[in-house]
Amino acid sequence: MTSFWLFLSKVFKWTFGFFETFGNVLNWILFTVCCVMFIYWCYVLVVGLGGNKDKDYFSPTEGKNPYYDPEIYKKEG
């Protein structure tokens, strides 16, 4: 019976080591993926808005949906 418990303790020690190593590997993989996504996000922002390109932006809805329309909200009285 003692050999069974010794075997079980070795299995537990191995699984804890495995999960610790797997956690480290998974952590680095996720860190790398997040870094790549952040760099891509920065690239999209710089390419899309860099070099004063935001000044050339044309809004297709500008003036069509104003926050205040004097014809709708005219003061009656």
C-alpha atoms as a PDB file:
ATOM      1  CA  MET A   1       0.000   0.000   0.000  1.00  0.00           C
ATOM      2  CA  THR A   2       2.898   2.334   0.711  1.00  0.00           C
ATOM      3  CA  SER A   3       4.243   1.854  -2.794  1.00  0.00           C
ATOM      4  CA  PHE A   4       0.885   2.959  -4.190  1.00  0.00           C
ATOM      5  CA  TRP A   5       1.016   6.219  -2.207  1.00  0.00           C
ATOM      6  CA  LEU A   6       4.620   6.792  -3.242  1.00  0.00           C
ATOM      7  CA  PHE A   7       3.629   6.245  -6.869  1.00  0.00           C
ATOM      8  CA  LEU A   8       0.659   8.587  -6.470  1.00  0.00           C
ATOM      9  CA  SER A   9       2.867  11.278  -4.948  1.00  0.00           C
ATOM     10  CA  LYS A  10       5.270  10.986  -7.912  1.00  0.00           C
ATOM     11  CA  VAL A  11       2.323  11.338 -10.300  1.00  0.00           C
ATOM     12  CA  PHE A  12       1.122  14.438  -8.451  1.00  0.00           C
ATOM     13  CA  LYS A  13       4.599  15.950  -8.470  1.00  0.00           C
ATOM     14  CA  TRP A  14       4.892  15.270 -12.209  1.00  0.00           C
ATOM     15  CA  THR A  15       1.459  16.777 -12.981  1.00  0.00           C
ATOM     16  CA  PHE A  16       2.204  19.907 -10.939  1.00  0.00           C
ATOM     17  CA  GLY A  17       5.483  20.328 -12.815  1.00  0.00           C
ATOM     18  CA  PHE A  18       3.697  19.736 -16.102  1.00  0.00           C
ATOM     19  CA  PHE A  19       1.025  22.327 -15.363  1.00  0.00           C
ATOM     20  CA  GLU A  20       3.630  24.832 -14.200  1.00  0.00           C
ATOM     21  CA  THR A  21       5.609  24.379 -17.419  1.00  0.00           C
ATOM     22  CA  PHE A  22       2.440  24.407 -19.548  1.00  0.00           C
ATOM     23  CA  GLY A  23       1.303  27.597 -17.776  1.00  0.00           C
ATOM     24  CA  ASN A  24       4.623  29.280 -18.511  1.00  0.00           C
ATOM     25  CA  VAL A  25       4.501  28.267 -22.183  1.00  0.00           C
ATOM     26  CA  LEU A  26       0.868  29.360 -22.510  1.00  0.00           C
ATOM     27  CA  ASN A  27       1.678  32.658 -20.799  1.00  0.00           C
ATOM     28  CA  TRP A  28       4.476  33.414 -23.280  1.00  0.00           C
ATOM     29  CA  ILE A  29       2.298  32.429 -26.234  1.00  0.00           C
ATOM     30  CA  LEU A  30      -0.506  34.742 -25.076  1.00  0.00           C
ATOM     31  CA  PHE A  31       1.984  37.535 -24.361  1.00  0.00           C
ATOM     32  CA  THR A  32       3.424  37.217 -27.872  1.00  0.00           C
ATOM     33  CA  VAL A  33      -0.030  37.182 -29.480  1.00  0.00           C
ATOM     34  CA  CYS A  34      -1.089  40.270 -27.506  1.00  0.00           C
ATOM     35  CA  CYS A  35       2.126  42.097 -28.446  1.00  0.00           C
ATOM     36  CA  VAL A  36       1.557  41.328 -32.130  1.00  0.00           C
ATOM     37  CA  MET A  37      -2.058  42.514 -31.901  1.00  0.00           C
ATOM     38  CA  PHE A  38      -0.985  45.735 -30.165  1.00  0.00           C
ATOM     39  CA  ILE A  39       1.713  46.424 -32.760  1.00  0.00           C
ATOM     40  CA  TYR A  40      -0.810  45.787 -35.549  1.00  0.00           C
ATOM     41  CA  TRP A  41      -3.297  48.141 -33.857  1.00  0.00           C
ATOM     42  CA  CYS A  42      -0.624  50.851 -33.637  1.00  0.00           C
ATOM     43  CA  TYR A  43       0.283  50.257 -37.296  1.00  0.00           C
ATOM     44  CA  VAL A  44      -3.344  50.654 -38.367  1.00  0.00           C
ATOM     45  CA  LEU A  45      -3.645  53.889 -36.398  1.00  0.00           C
ATOM     46  CA  VAL A  46      -0.403  55.331 -37.766  1.00  0.00           C
ATOM     47  CA  VAL A  47      -1.126  54.342 -41.365  1.00  0.00           C
ATOM     48  CA  GLY A  48      -4.745  55.499 -41.155  1.00  0.00           C
ATOM     49  CA  LEU A  49      -4.163  58.773 -39.341  1.00  0.00           C
ATOM     50  CA  GLY A  50      -0.469  59.468 -39.812  1.00  0.00           C
ATOM     51  CA  GLY A  51       0.873  62.300 -41.941  1.00  0.00           C
ATOM     52  CA  ASN A  52      -2.165  64.517 -41.258  1.00  0.00           C
ATOM     53  CA  LYS A  53      -4.413  62.203 -43.260  1.00  0.00           C
ATOM     54  CA  ASP A  54      -7.146  62.861 -40.698  1.00  0.00           C
ATOM     55  CA  LYS A  55      -7.493  66.388 -42.156  1.00  0.00           C
ATOM     56  CA  ASP A  56      -8.545  64.885 -45.491  1.00  0.00           C
ATOM     57  CA  TYR A  57     -11.286  62.816 -43.843  1.00  0.00           C
ATOM     58  CA  PHE A  58     -14.767  63.265 -45.295  1.00  0.00           C
ATOM     59  CA  SER A  59     -17.736  62.258 -43.178  1.00  0.00           C
ATOM     60  CA  PRO A  60     -20.606  60.868 -45.269  1.00  0.00           C
ATOM     61  CA  THR A  61     -23.152  61.868 -42.589  1.00  0.00           C
ATOM     62  CA  GLU A  62     -21.824  65.314 -41.717  1.00  0.00           C
ATOM     63  CA  GLY A  63     -24.659  67.831 -41.747  1.00  0.00           C
ATOM     64  CA  LYS A  64     -27.313  65.214 -42.487  1.00  0.00           C
ATOM     65  CA  ASN A  65     -28.041  64.294 -38.871  1.00  0.00           C
ATOM     66  CA  PRO A  66     -27.375  67.407 -36.793  1.00  0.00           C
ATOM     67  CA  TYR A  67     -27.684  67.305 -33.026  1.00  0.00           C
ATOM     68  CA  TYR A  68     -29.825  70.448 -33.145  1.00  0.00           C
ATOM     69  CA  ASP A  69     -32.208  71.006 -36.016  1.00  0.00           C
ATOM     70  CA  PRO A  70     -33.828  74.458 -35.728  1.00  0.00           C
ATOM     71  CA  GLU A  71     -36.832  73.365 -37.756  1.00  0.00           C
ATOM     72  CA  ILE A  72     -37.671  70.603 -35.318  1.00  0.00           C
ATOM     73  CA  TYR A  73     -36.822  72.449 -32.108  1.00  0.00           C
ATOM     74  CA  LYS A  74     -38.128  75.901 -32.956  1.00  0.00           C
ATOM     75  CA  LYS A  75     -39.464  77.866 -30.071  1.00  0.00           C
ATOM     76  CA  GLU A  76     -43.203  78.252 -30.238  1.00  0.00           C
ATOM     77  CA  GLY A  77     -44.726  80.930 -28.163  1.00  0.00           C
END
